[in-house]
PDB file of N, CA and C in Angstrom:
ATOM      1  N   MET A   1      12.305   6.611   5.223  1.00  0.00           N
ATOM      2  CA  MET A   1      11.447   5.543   4.782  1.00  0.00           C
ATOM      3  C   MET A   1      10.008   6.020   4.912  1.00  0.00           C
ATOM      4  N   GLU A   2       9.196   5.631   3.932  1.00  0.00           N
ATOM      5  CA  GLU A   2       7.778   5.980   3.947  1.00  0.00           C
ATOM      6  C   GLU A   2       6.953   4.709   3.917  1.00  0.00           C
ATOM      7  N   LEU A   3       5.894   4.704   4.722  1.00  0.00           N
ATOM      8  CA  LEU A   3       4.975   3.577   4.749  1.00  0.00           C
ATOM      9  C   LEU A   3       3.604   4.108   4.354  1.00  0.00           C
ATOM     10  N   TYR A   4       3.065   3.576   3.252  1.00  0.00           N
ATOM     11  CA  TYR A   4       1.764   3.994   2.745  1.00  0.00           C
ATOM     12  C   TYR A   4       0.727   2.962   3.156  1.00  0.00           C
ATOM     13  N   GLY A   5      -0.341   3.408   3.802  1.00  0.00           N
ATOM     14  CA  GLY A   5      -1.386   2.498   4.245  1.00  0.00           C
ATOM     15  C   GLY A   5      -2.555   3.277   4.809  1.00  0.00           C
ATOM     16  N   ILE A   6      -3.305   2.625   5.694  1.00  0.00           N
ATOM     17  CA  ILE A   6      -4.397   3.302   6.393  1.00  0.00           C
ATOM     18  C   ILE A   6      -4.263   3.029   7.890  1.00  0.00           C
ATOM     19  N   LYS A   7      -4.700   4.008   8.696  1.00  0.00           N
ATOM     20  CA  LYS A   7      -4.542   3.910  10.146  1.00  0.00           C
ATOM     21  C   LYS A   7      -5.245   2.695  10.729  1.00  0.00           C
ATOM     22  N   ALA A   8      -6.380   2.317  10.175  1.00  0.00           N
ATOM     23  CA  ALA A   8      -7.175   1.223  10.729  1.00  0.00           C
ATOM     24  C   ALA A   8      -6.640  -0.162  10.355  1.00  0.00           C
ATOM     25  N   CYS A   9      -5.630  -0.237   9.519  1.00  0.00           N
ATOM     26  CA  CYS A   9      -5.111  -1.522   9.037  1.00  0.00           C
ATOM     27  C   CYS A   9      -4.171  -2.139  10.074  1.00  0.00           C
ATOM     28  N   ASP A  10      -4.532  -3.329  10.559  1.00  0.00           N
ATOM     29  CA  ASP A  10      -3.696  -4.020  11.543  1.00  0.00           C
ATOM     30  C   ASP A  10      -2.303  -4.301  10.999  1.00  0.00           C
ATOM     31  N   THR A  11      -2.220  -4.690   9.745  1.00  0.00           N
ATOM     32  CA  THR A  11      -0.915  -5.002   9.150  1.00  0.00           C
ATOM     33  C   THR A  11      -0.031  -3.766   9.107  1.00  0.00           C
ATOM     34  N   CYS A  12      -0.601  -2.626   8.767  1.00  0.00           N
ATOM     35  CA  CYS A  12       0.167  -1.378   8.740  1.00  0.00           C
ATOM     36  C   CYS A  12       0.661  -1.021  10.136  1.00  0.00           C
ATOM     37  N   ARG A  13      -0.190  -1.201  11.132  1.00  0.00           N
ATOM     38  CA  ARG A  13       0.204  -0.901  12.519  1.00  0.00           C
ATOM     39  C   ARG A  13       1.327  -1.830  12.978  1.00  0.00           C
ATOM     40  N   LYS A  14       1.236  -3.119  12.627  1.00  0.00           N
ATOM     41  CA  LYS A  14       2.304  -4.068  12.983  1.00  0.00           C
ATOM     42  C   LYS A  14       3.618  -3.657  12.331  1.00  0.00           C
ATOM     43  N   ALA A  15       3.552  -3.292  11.059  1.00  0.00           N
ATOM     44  CA  ALA A  15       4.766  -2.890  10.340  1.00  0.00           C
ATOM     45  C   ALA A  15       5.381  -1.654  10.983  1.00  0.00           C
ATOM     46  N   LEU A  16       4.562  -0.658  11.290  1.00  0.00           N
ATOM     47  CA  LEU A  16       5.070   0.558  11.919  1.00  0.00           C
ATOM     48  C   LEU A  16       5.725   0.248  13.264  1.00  0.00           C
ATOM     49  N   LYS A  17       5.067  -0.561  14.068  1.00  0.00           N
ATOM     50  CA  LYS A  17       5.599  -0.900  15.388  1.00  0.00           C
ATOM     51  C   LYS A  17       6.939  -1.629  15.268  1.00  0.00           C
ATOM     52  N   THR A  18       7.018  -2.589  14.353  1.00  0.00           N
ATOM     53  CA  THR A  18       8.251  -3.343  14.172  1.00  0.00           C
ATOM     54  C   THR A  18       9.378  -2.454  13.660  1.00  0.00           C
ATOM     55  N   LEU A  19       9.074  -1.623  12.681  1.00  0.00           N
ATOM     56  CA  LEU A  19      10.104  -0.738  12.121  1.00  0.00           C
ATOM     57  C   LEU A  19      10.572   0.287  13.148  1.00  0.00           C
ATOM     58  N   ASP A  20       9.626   0.852  13.907  1.00  0.00           N
ATOM     59  CA  ASP A  20      10.013   1.780  14.982  1.00  0.00           C
ATOM     60  C   ASP A  20      10.892   1.079  16.006  1.00  0.00           C
ATOM     61  N   GLY A  21      10.522  -0.148  16.374  1.00  0.00           N
ATOM     62  CA  GLY A  21      11.294  -0.922  17.345  1.00  0.00           C
ATOM     63  C   GLY A  21      12.697  -1.248  16.858  1.00  0.00           C
ATOM     64  N   ALA A  22      12.850  -1.326  15.532  1.00  0.00           N
ATOM     65  CA  ALA A  22      14.164  -1.604  14.947  1.00  0.00           C
ATOM     66  C   ALA A  22      14.977  -0.325  14.749  1.00  0.00           C
ATOM     67  N   GLY A  23      14.427   0.801  15.205  1.00  0.00           N
ATOM     68  CA  GLY A  23      15.153   2.065  15.098  1.00  0.00           C
ATOM     69  C   GLY A  23      15.064   2.732  13.735  1.00  0.00           C
ATOM     70  N   ARG A  24      14.134   2.279  12.907  1.00  0.00           N
ATOM     71  CA  ARG A  24      13.982   2.874  11.579  1.00  0.00           C
ATOM     72  C   ARG A  24      13.116   4.124  11.678  1.00  0.00           C
ATOM     73  N   GLU A  25      13.493   5.162  10.971  1.00  0.00           N
ATOM     74  CA  GLU A  25      12.694   6.384  10.921  1.00  0.00           C
ATOM     75  C   GLU A  25      11.663   6.216   9.814  1.00  0.00           C
ATOM     76  N   VAL A  26      10.385   6.252  10.186  1.00  0.00           N
ATOM     77  CA  VAL A  26       9.307   5.971   9.245  1.00  0.00           C
ATOM     78  C   VAL A  26       8.328   7.135   9.228  1.00  0.00           C
ATOM     79  N   ARG A  27       8.005   7.579   8.026  1.00  0.00           N
ATOM     80  CA  ARG A  27       6.948   8.574   7.844  1.00  0.00           C
ATOM     81  C   ARG A  27       5.723   7.819   7.342  1.00  0.00           C
ATOM     82  N   PHE A  28       4.644   7.851   8.121  1.00  0.00           N
ATOM     83  CA  PHE A  28       3.422   7.148   7.760  1.00  0.00           C
ATOM     84  C   PHE A  28       2.557   8.054   6.894  1.00  0.00           C
ATOM     85  N   VAL A  29       2.070   7.521   5.766  1.00  0.00           N
ATOM     86  CA  VAL A  29       1.175   8.265   4.873  1.00  0.00           C
ATOM     87  C   VAL A  29      -0.141   7.509   4.824  1.00  0.00           C
ATOM     88  N   ASP A  30      -1.180   8.103   5.417  1.00  0.00           N
ATOM     89  CA  ASP A  30      -2.511   7.500   5.376  1.00  0.00           C
ATOM     90  C   ASP A  30      -3.126   7.861   4.025  1.00  0.00           C
ATOM     91  N   VAL A  31      -3.344   6.862   3.191  1.00  0.00           N
ATOM     92  CA  VAL A  31      -3.807   7.115   1.824  1.00  0.00           C
ATOM     93  C   VAL A  31      -5.253   7.598   1.778  1.00  0.00           C
ATOM     94  N   ARG A  32      -5.979   7.460   2.872  1.00  0.00           N
ATOM     95  CA  ARG A  32      -7.331   8.041   2.931  1.00  0.00           C
ATOM     96  C   ARG A  32      -7.254   9.544   3.183  1.00  0.00           C
ATOM     97  N   GLU A  33      -6.358   9.944   4.079  1.00  0.00           N
ATOM     98  CA  GLU A  33      -6.232  11.355   4.444  1.00  0.00           C
ATOM     99  C   GLU A  33      -5.404  12.139   3.436  1.00  0.00           C
ATOM    100  N   THR A  34      -4.417  11.488   2.851  1.00  0.00           N
ATOM    101  CA  THR A  34      -3.536  12.120   1.873  1.00  0.00           C
ATOM    102  C   THR A  34      -3.558  11.258   0.611  1.00  0.00           C
ATOM    103  N   PRO A  35      -4.545  11.496  -0.258  1.00  0.00           N
ATOM    104  CA  PRO A  35      -4.646  10.658  -1.466  1.00  0.00           C
ATOM    105  C   PRO A  35      -3.357  10.701  -2.284  1.00  0.00           C
ATOM    106  N   LEU A  36      -3.008   9.548  -2.830  1.00  0.00           N
ATOM    107  CA  LEU A  36      -1.801   9.448  -3.640  1.00  0.00           C
ATOM    108  C   LEU A  36      -2.049  10.016  -5.029  1.00  0.00           C
ATOM    109  N   SER A  37      -1.010  10.533  -5.621  1.00  0.00           N
ATOM    110  CA  SER A  37      -1.108  11.063  -6.981  1.00  0.00           C
ATOM    111  C   SER A  37      -1.102   9.904  -7.979  1.00  0.00           C
ATOM    112  N   ARG A  38      -1.536  10.203  -9.170  1.00  0.00           N
ATOM    113  CA  ARG A  38      -1.500   9.213 -10.244  1.00  0.00           C
ATOM    114  C   ARG A  38      -0.061   8.730 -10.464  1.00  0.00           C
ATOM    115  N   GLU A  39       0.902   9.640 -10.411  1.00  0.00           N
ATOM    116  CA  GLU A  39       2.290   9.284 -10.659  1.00  0.00           C
ATOM    117  C   GLU A  39       2.807   8.289  -9.614  1.00  0.00           C
ATOM    118  N   VAL A  40       2.457   8.517  -8.361  1.00  0.00           N
ATOM    119  CA  VAL A  40       2.902   7.609  -7.300  1.00  0.00           C
ATOM    120  C   VAL A  40       2.265   6.232  -7.500  1.00  0.00           C
ATOM    121  N   LEU A  41       0.955   6.212  -7.761  1.00  0.00           N
ATOM    122  CA  LEU A  41       0.277   4.931  -7.993  1.00  0.00           C
ATOM    123  C   LEU A  41       0.844   4.213  -9.210  1.00  0.00           C
ATOM    124  N   GLU A  42       1.160   4.958 -10.254  1.00  0.00           N
ATOM    125  CA  GLU A  42       1.747   4.331 -11.441  1.00  0.00           C
ATOM    126  C   GLU A  42       3.119   3.733 -11.130  1.00  0.00           C
ATOM    127  N   SER A  43       3.898   4.402 -10.292  1.00  0.00           N
ATOM    128  CA  SER A  43       5.210   3.845  -9.935  1.00  0.00           C
ATOM    129  C   SER A  43       5.036   2.578  -9.096  1.00  0.00           C
ATOM    130  N   PHE A  44       4.040   2.560  -8.224  1.00  0.00           N
ATOM    131  CA  PHE A  44       3.761   1.351  -7.441  1.00  0.00           C
ATOM    132  C   PHE A  44       3.294   0.225  -8.359  1.00  0.00           C
ATOM    133  N   GLN A  45       2.423   0.551  -9.304  1.00  0.00           N
ATOM    134  CA  GLN A  45       1.916  -0.483 -10.208  1.00  0.00           C
ATOM    135  C   GLN A  45       3.042  -1.009 -11.107  1.00  0.00           C
ATOM    136  N   ALA A  46       3.946  -0.138 -11.512  1.00  0.00           N
ATOM    137  CA  ALA A  46       5.074  -0.581 -12.337  1.00  0.00           C
ATOM    138  C   ALA A  46       5.938  -1.577 -11.554  1.00  0.00           C
ATOM    139  N   ALA A  47       6.052  -1.379 -10.249  1.00  0.00           N
ATOM    140  CA  ALA A  47       6.866  -2.266  -9.424  1.00  0.00           C
ATOM    141  C   ALA A  47       6.161  -3.577  -9.085  1.00  0.00           C
ATOM    142  N   PHE A  48       4.843  -3.514  -8.855  1.00  0.00           N
ATOM    143  CA  PHE A  48       4.131  -4.681  -8.323  1.00  0.00           C
ATOM    144  C   PHE A  48       3.079  -5.282  -9.243  1.00  0.00           C
ATOM    145  N   GLY A  49       2.747  -4.586 -10.320  1.00  0.00           N
ATOM    146  CA  GLY A  49       1.747  -5.100 -11.257  1.00  0.00           C
ATOM    147  C   GLY A  49       0.398  -5.313 -10.593  1.00  0.00           C
ATOM    148  N   ALA A  50      -0.269  -6.391 -10.978  1.00  0.00           N
ATOM    149  CA  ALA A  50      -1.621  -6.685 -10.490  1.00  0.00           C
ATOM    150  C   ALA A  50      -1.651  -6.946  -8.988  1.00  0.00           C
ATOM    151  N   ALA A  51      -0.513  -7.290  -8.381  1.00  0.00           N
ATOM    152  CA  ALA A  51      -0.475  -7.568  -6.943  1.00  0.00           C
ATOM    153  C   ALA A  51      -0.816  -6.334  -6.107  1.00  0.00           C
ATOM    154  N   LEU A  52      -0.708  -5.144  -6.700  1.00  0.00           N
ATOM    155  CA  LEU A  52      -1.010  -3.916  -5.973  1.00  0.00           C
ATOM    156  C   LEU A  52      -2.500  -3.796  -5.641  1.00  0.00           C
ATOM    157  N   MET A  53      -3.357  -4.416  -6.446  1.00  0.00           N
ATOM    158  CA  MET A  53      -4.801  -4.321  -6.232  1.00  0.00           C
ATOM    159  C   MET A  53      -5.229  -5.330  -5.167  1.00  0.00           C
ATOM    160  N   ASN A  54      -5.881  -4.831  -4.128  1.00  0.00           N
ATOM    161  CA  ASN A  54      -6.347  -5.675  -3.035  1.00  0.00           C
ATOM    162  C   ASN A  54      -7.726  -6.241  -3.380  1.00  0.00           C
ATOM    163  N   THR A  55      -7.735  -7.398  -4.022  1.00  0.00           N
ATOM    164  CA  THR A  55      -8.998  -8.007  -4.460  1.00  0.00           C
ATOM    165  C   THR A  55      -9.694  -8.762  -3.327  1.00  0.00           C
ATOM    166  N   ARG A  56      -9.137  -8.722  -2.128  1.00  0.00           N
ATOM    167  CA  ARG A  56      -9.786  -9.352  -0.974  1.00  0.00           C
ATOM    168  C   ARG A  56     -10.484  -8.322  -0.093  1.00  0.00           C
ATOM    169  N   SER A  57     -10.430  -7.055  -0.484  1.00  0.00           N
ATOM    170  CA  SER A  57     -10.991  -5.996   0.354  1.00  0.00           C
ATOM    171  C   SER A  57     -12.510  -5.927   0.238  1.00  0.00           C
ATOM    172  N   THR A  58     -13.106  -5.354   1.251  1.00  0.00           N
ATOM    173  CA  THR A  58     -14.549  -5.123   1.256  1.00  0.00           C
ATOM    174  C   THR A  58     -14.930  -4.197   0.105  1.00  0.00           C
ATOM    175  N   THR A  59     -14.096  -3.225  -0.160  1.00  0.00           N
ATOM    176  CA  THR A  59     -14.369  -2.288  -1.255  1.00  0.00           C
ATOM    177  C   THR A  59     -14.428  -3.029  -2.583  1.00  0.00           C
ATOM    178  N   TRP A  60     -13.475  -3.916  -2.837  1.00  0.00           N
ATOM    179  CA  TRP A  60     -13.449  -4.697  -4.082  1.00  0.00           C
ATOM    180  C   TRP A  60     -14.721  -5.536  -4.216  1.00  0.00           C
ATOM    181  N   ARG A  61     -15.094  -6.203  -3.128  1.00  0.00           N
ATOM    182  CA  ARG A  61     -16.285  -7.054  -3.164  1.00  0.00           C
ATOM    183  C   ARG A  61     -17.550  -6.246  -3.416  1.00  0.00           C
ATOM    184  N   GLY A  62     -17.531  -4.972  -3.051  1.00  0.00           N
ATOM    185  CA  GLY A  62     -18.684  -4.106  -3.259  1.00  0.00           C
ATOM    186  C   GLY A  62     -18.813  -3.563  -4.675  1.00  0.00           C
ATOM    187  N   LEU A  63     -17.786  -3.732  -5.484  1.00  0.00           N
ATOM    188  CA  LEU A  63     -17.829  -3.238  -6.864  1.00  0.00           C
ATOM    189  C   LEU A  63     -18.546  -4.237  -7.756  1.00  0.00           C
ATOM    190  N   ASP A  64     -19.283  -3.723  -8.726  1.00  0.00           N
ATOM    191  CA  ASP A  64     -19.892  -4.627  -9.707  1.00  0.00           C
ATOM    192  C   ASP A  64     -18.835  -5.001 -10.750  1.00  0.00           C
ATOM    193  N   GLU A  65     -19.196  -5.896 -11.644  1.00  0.00           N
ATOM    194  CA  GLU A  65     -18.234  -6.377 -12.654  1.00  0.00           C
ATOM    195  C   GLU A  65     -17.695  -5.236 -13.514  1.00  0.00           C
ATOM    196  N   ALA A  66     -18.567  -4.294 -13.872  1.00  0.00           N
ATOM    197  CA  ALA A  66     -18.118  -3.160 -14.688  1.00  0.00           C
ATOM    198  C   ALA A  66     -17.097  -2.320 -13.916  1.00  0.00           C
ATOM    199  N   GLY A  67     -17.335  -2.132 -12.631  1.00  0.00           N
ATOM    200  CA  GLY A  67     -16.401  -1.372 -11.801  1.00  0.00           C
ATOM    201  C   GLY A  67     -15.058  -2.061 -11.674  1.00  0.00           C
ATOM    202  N   ARG A  68     -15.086  -3.374 -11.514  1.00  0.00           N
ATOM    203  CA  ARG A  68     -13.850  -4.146 -11.380  1.00  0.00           C
ATOM    204  C   ARG A  68     -13.041  -4.157 -12.673  1.00  0.00           C
ATOM    205  N   ALA A  69     -13.717  -3.993 -13.800  1.00  0.00           N
ATOM    206  CA  ALA A  69     -13.040  -4.045 -15.099  1.00  0.00           C
ATOM    207  C   ALA A  69     -12.367  -2.723 -15.453  1.00  0.00           C
ATOM    208  N   GLY A  70     -12.553  -1.705 -14.615  1.00  0.00           N
ATOM    209  CA  GLY A  70     -11.976  -0.391 -14.907  1.00  0.00           C
ATOM    210  C   GLY A  70     -10.467  -0.371 -14.776  1.00  0.00           C
ATOM    211  N   ASP A  71      -9.896   0.753 -15.156  1.00  0.00           N
ATOM    212  CA  ASP A  71      -8.458   0.973 -15.055  1.00  0.00           C
ATOM    213  C   ASP A  71      -8.040   0.895 -13.580  1.00  0.00           C
ATOM    214  N   PRO A  72      -7.072   0.048 -13.242  1.00  0.00           N
ATOM    215  CA  PRO A  72      -6.667  -0.104 -11.837  1.00  0.00           C
ATOM    216  C   PRO A  72      -6.241   1.206 -11.167  1.00  0.00           C
ATOM    217  N   ILE A  73      -5.540   2.052 -11.890  1.00  0.00           N
ATOM    218  CA  ILE A  73      -5.103   3.325 -11.310  1.00  0.00           C
ATOM    219  C   ILE A  73      -6.315   4.192 -10.987  1.00  0.00           C
ATOM    220  N   GLU A  74      -7.266   4.279 -11.915  1.00  0.00           N
ATOM    221  CA  GLU A  74      -8.477   5.060 -11.672  1.00  0.00           C
ATOM    222  C   GLU A  74      -9.250   4.507 -10.471  1.00  0.00           C
ATOM    223  N   LEU A  75      -9.324   3.176 -10.364  1.00  0.00           N
ATOM    224  CA  LEU A  75     -10.014   2.559  -9.234  1.00  0.00           C
ATOM    225  C   LEU A  75      -9.345   2.920  -7.913  1.00  0.00           C
ATOM    226  N   MET A  76      -8.014   2.866  -7.870  1.00  0.00           N
ATOM    227  CA  MET A  76      -7.309   3.183  -6.629  1.00  0.00           C
ATOM    228  C   MET A  76      -7.349   4.679  -6.313  1.00  0.00           C
ATOM    229  N   LEU A  77      -7.428   5.517  -7.340  1.00  0.00           N
ATOM    230  CA  LEU A  77      -7.596   6.949  -7.093  1.00  0.00           C
ATOM    231  C   LEU A  77      -8.963   7.216  -6.468  1.00  0.00           C
ATOM    232  N   ALA A  78      -9.993   6.529  -6.958  1.00  0.00           N
ATOM    233  CA  ALA A  78     -11.353   6.712  -6.445  1.00  0.00           C
ATOM    234  C   ALA A  78     -11.566   6.006  -5.110  1.00  0.00           C
ATOM    235  N   HIS A  79     -10.888   4.873  -4.918  1.00  0.00           N
ATOM    236  CA  HIS A  79     -11.062   4.045  -3.714  1.00  0.00           C
ATOM    237  C   HIS A  79      -9.680   3.665  -3.174  1.00  0.00           C
ATOM    238  N   PRO A  80      -9.063   4.521  -2.359  1.00  0.00           N
ATOM    239  CA  PRO A  80      -7.697   4.257  -1.879  1.00  0.00           C
ATOM    240  C   PRO A  80      -7.537   2.918  -1.150  1.00  0.00           C
ATOM    241  N   THR A  81      -8.604   2.396  -0.550  1.00  0.00           N
ATOM    242  CA  THR A  81      -8.491   1.136   0.183  1.00  0.00           C
ATOM    243  C   THR A  81      -8.330  -0.059  -0.743  1.00  0.00           C
ATOM    244  N   LEU A  82      -8.426   0.140  -2.049  1.00  0.00           N
ATOM    245  CA  LEU A  82      -8.183  -0.946  -2.998  1.00  0.00           C
ATOM    246  C   LEU A  82      -6.698  -1.249  -3.164  1.00  0.00           C
ATOM    247  N   MET A  83      -5.845  -0.346  -2.683  1.00  0.00           N
ATOM    248  CA  MET A  83      -4.405  -0.584  -2.770  1.00  0.00           C
ATOM    249  C   MET A  83      -4.007  -1.555  -1.661  1.00  0.00           C
ATOM    250  N   LYS A  84      -3.300  -2.614  -2.037  1.00  0.00           N
ATOM    251  CA  LYS A  84      -2.792  -3.540  -1.024  1.00  0.00           C
ATOM    252  C   LYS A  84      -1.811  -2.786  -0.147  1.00  0.00           C
ATOM    253  N   ARG A  85      -1.795  -3.143   1.147  1.00  0.00           N
ATOM    254  CA  ARG A  85      -0.971  -2.391   2.076  1.00  0.00           C
ATOM    255  C   ARG A  85      -0.202  -3.320   2.994  1.00  0.00           C
ATOM    256  N   PRO A  86       0.829  -2.748   3.561  1.00  0.00           N
ATOM    257  CA  PRO A  86       1.421  -1.447   3.268  1.00  0.00           C
ATOM    258  C   PRO A  86       2.325  -1.504   2.037  1.00  0.00           C
ATOM    259  N   VAL A  87       2.545  -0.333   1.476  1.00  0.00           N
ATOM    260  CA  VAL A  87       3.616  -0.161   0.495  1.00  0.00           C
ATOM    261  C   VAL A  87       4.691   0.625   1.238  1.00  0.00           C
ATOM    262  N   ILE A  88       5.890   0.111   1.222  1.00  0.00           N
ATOM    263  CA  ILE A  88       6.994   0.742   1.944  1.00  0.00           C
ATOM    264  C   ILE A  88       8.062   1.154   0.943  1.00  0.00           C
ATOM    265  N   ARG A  89       8.430   2.444   1.019  1.00  0.00           N
ATOM    266  CA  ARG A  89       9.500   2.959   0.149  1.00  0.00           C
ATOM    267  C   ARG A  89      10.696   3.308   1.027  1.00  0.00           C
ATOM    268  N   GLU A  90      11.801   2.628   0.763  1.00  0.00           N
ATOM    269  CA  GLU A  90      13.035   2.925   1.499  1.00  0.00           C
ATOM    270  C   GLU A  90      13.634   4.231   0.977  1.00  0.00           C
ATOM    271  N   ALA A  91      14.559   4.774   1.714  1.00  0.00           N
ATOM    272  CA  ALA A  91      15.204   6.037   1.348  1.00  0.00           C
ATOM    273  C   ALA A  91      15.855   5.971  -0.024  1.00  0.00           C
ATOM    274  N   ASP A  92      16.344   4.786  -0.411  1.00  0.00           N
ATOM    275  CA  ASP A  92      16.988   4.647  -1.720  1.00  0.00           C
ATOM    276  C   ASP A  92      15.993   4.407  -2.855  1.00  0.00           C
ATOM    277  N   GLY A  93      14.686   4.407  -2.530  1.00  0.00           N
ATOM    278  CA  GLY A  93      13.651   4.225  -3.544  1.00  0.00           C
ATOM    279  C   GLY A  93      13.150   2.798  -3.692  1.00  0.00           C
ATOM    280  N   THR A  94      13.798   1.838  -3.019  1.00  0.00           N
ATOM    281  CA  THR A  94      13.352   0.450  -3.084  1.00  0.00           C
ATOM    282  C   THR A  94      11.945   0.337  -2.518  1.00  0.00           C
ATOM    283  N   LEU A  95      11.075  -0.382  -3.244  1.00  0.00           N
ATOM    284  CA  LEU A  95       9.686  -0.550  -2.825  1.00  0.00           C
ATOM    285  C   LEU A  95       9.424  -1.967  -2.336  1.00  0.00           C
ATOM    286  N   HIS A  96       8.572  -2.078  -1.322  1.00  0.00           N
ATOM    287  CA  HIS A  96       8.145  -3.358  -0.775  1.00  0.00           C
ATOM    288  C   HIS A  96       6.626  -3.333  -0.669  1.00  0.00           C
ATOM    289  N   LEU A  97       5.989  -4.475  -0.910  1.00  0.00           N
ATOM    290  CA  LEU A  97       4.541  -4.583  -0.822  1.00  0.00           C
ATOM    291  C   LEU A  97       4.167  -5.602   0.235  1.00  0.00           C
ATOM    292  N   GLY A  98       3.288  -5.200   1.145  1.00  0.00           N
ATOM    293  CA  GLY A  98       2.815  -6.091   2.188  1.00  0.00           C
ATOM    294  C   GLY A  98       3.780  -6.154   3.354  1.00  0.00           C
ATOM    295  N   TRP A  99       3.482  -7.064   4.292  1.00  0.00           N
ATOM    296  CA  TRP A  99       4.320  -7.225   5.468  1.00  0.00           C
ATOM    297  C   TRP A  99       4.556  -8.711   5.736  1.00  0.00           C
ATOM    298  N   GLY A 100       4.871  -9.429   4.657  1.00  0.00           N
ATOM    299  CA  GLY A 100       5.173 -10.849   4.768  1.00  0.00           C
ATOM    300  C   GLY A 100       6.572 -11.064   5.315  1.00  0.00           C
ATOM    301  N   LYS A 101       6.939 -12.315   5.469  1.00  0.00           N
ATOM    302  CA  LYS A 101       8.235 -12.676   6.054  1.00  0.00           C
ATOM    303  C   LYS A 101       9.401 -12.120   5.256  1.00  0.00           C
ATOM    304  N   GLU A 102       9.294 -12.117   3.929  1.00  0.00           N
ATOM    305  CA  GLU A 102      10.401 -11.612   3.106  1.00  0.00           C
ATOM    306  C   GLU A 102      10.615 -10.113   3.343  1.00  0.00           C
ATOM    307  N   VAL A 103       9.517  -9.360   3.387  1.00  0.00           N
ATOM    308  CA  VAL A 103       9.625  -7.912   3.612  1.00  0.00           C
ATOM    309  C   VAL A 103      10.146  -7.652   5.022  1.00  0.00           C
ATOM    310  N   GLN A 104       9.641  -8.381   5.975  1.00  0.00           N
ATOM    311  CA  GLN A 104      10.099  -8.204   7.367  1.00  0.00           C
ATOM    312  C   GLN A 104      11.598  -8.478   7.471  1.00  0.00           C
ATOM    313  N   ALA A 105      12.068  -9.550   6.828  1.00  0.00           N
ATOM    314  CA  ALA A 105      13.495  -9.884   6.875  1.00  0.00           C
ATOM    315  C   ALA A 105      14.335  -8.806   6.209  1.00  0.00           C
ATOM    316  N   ALA A 106      13.828  -8.236   5.130  1.00  0.00           N
ATOM    317  CA  ALA A 106      14.582  -7.215   4.399  1.00  0.00           C
ATOM    318  C   ALA A 106      14.675  -5.906   5.185  1.00  0.00           C
ATOM    319  N   LEU A 107      13.688  -5.625   6.022  1.00  0.00           N
ATOM    320  CA  LEU A 107      13.628  -4.324   6.676  1.00  0.00           C
ATOM    321  C   LEU A 107      13.885  -4.320   8.175  1.00  0.00           C
ATOM    322  N   SER A 108      13.817  -5.467   8.799  1.00  0.00           N
ATOM    323  CA  SER A 108      13.969  -5.496  10.269  1.00  0.00           C
ATOM    324  C   SER A 108      15.401  -5.709  10.690  1.00  0.00           C
TER     325      SER A 108
END
């Protein structure tokens, strides 16, 4: 299982702690340190659509209207923190977005 996020994200840390506690083997990928490829971001966007873009982030609020109107993949390539987190990929390829109750129930 892979968890994509950033080290400073409280939600990512909670997810990692819970998954580790449940005995799940998790490889953490910090998207700031290891930028995602266009192909990976496109697969995430295909699964989650517009929900993948974190429009509540400080980075999003710092963009002007022209910046916000850009291609979402290009924006996330340039600003990895615009990706909503965590994105969790199970060994079978199943993707999950965020750490809400539904995702927790599916993985814990």
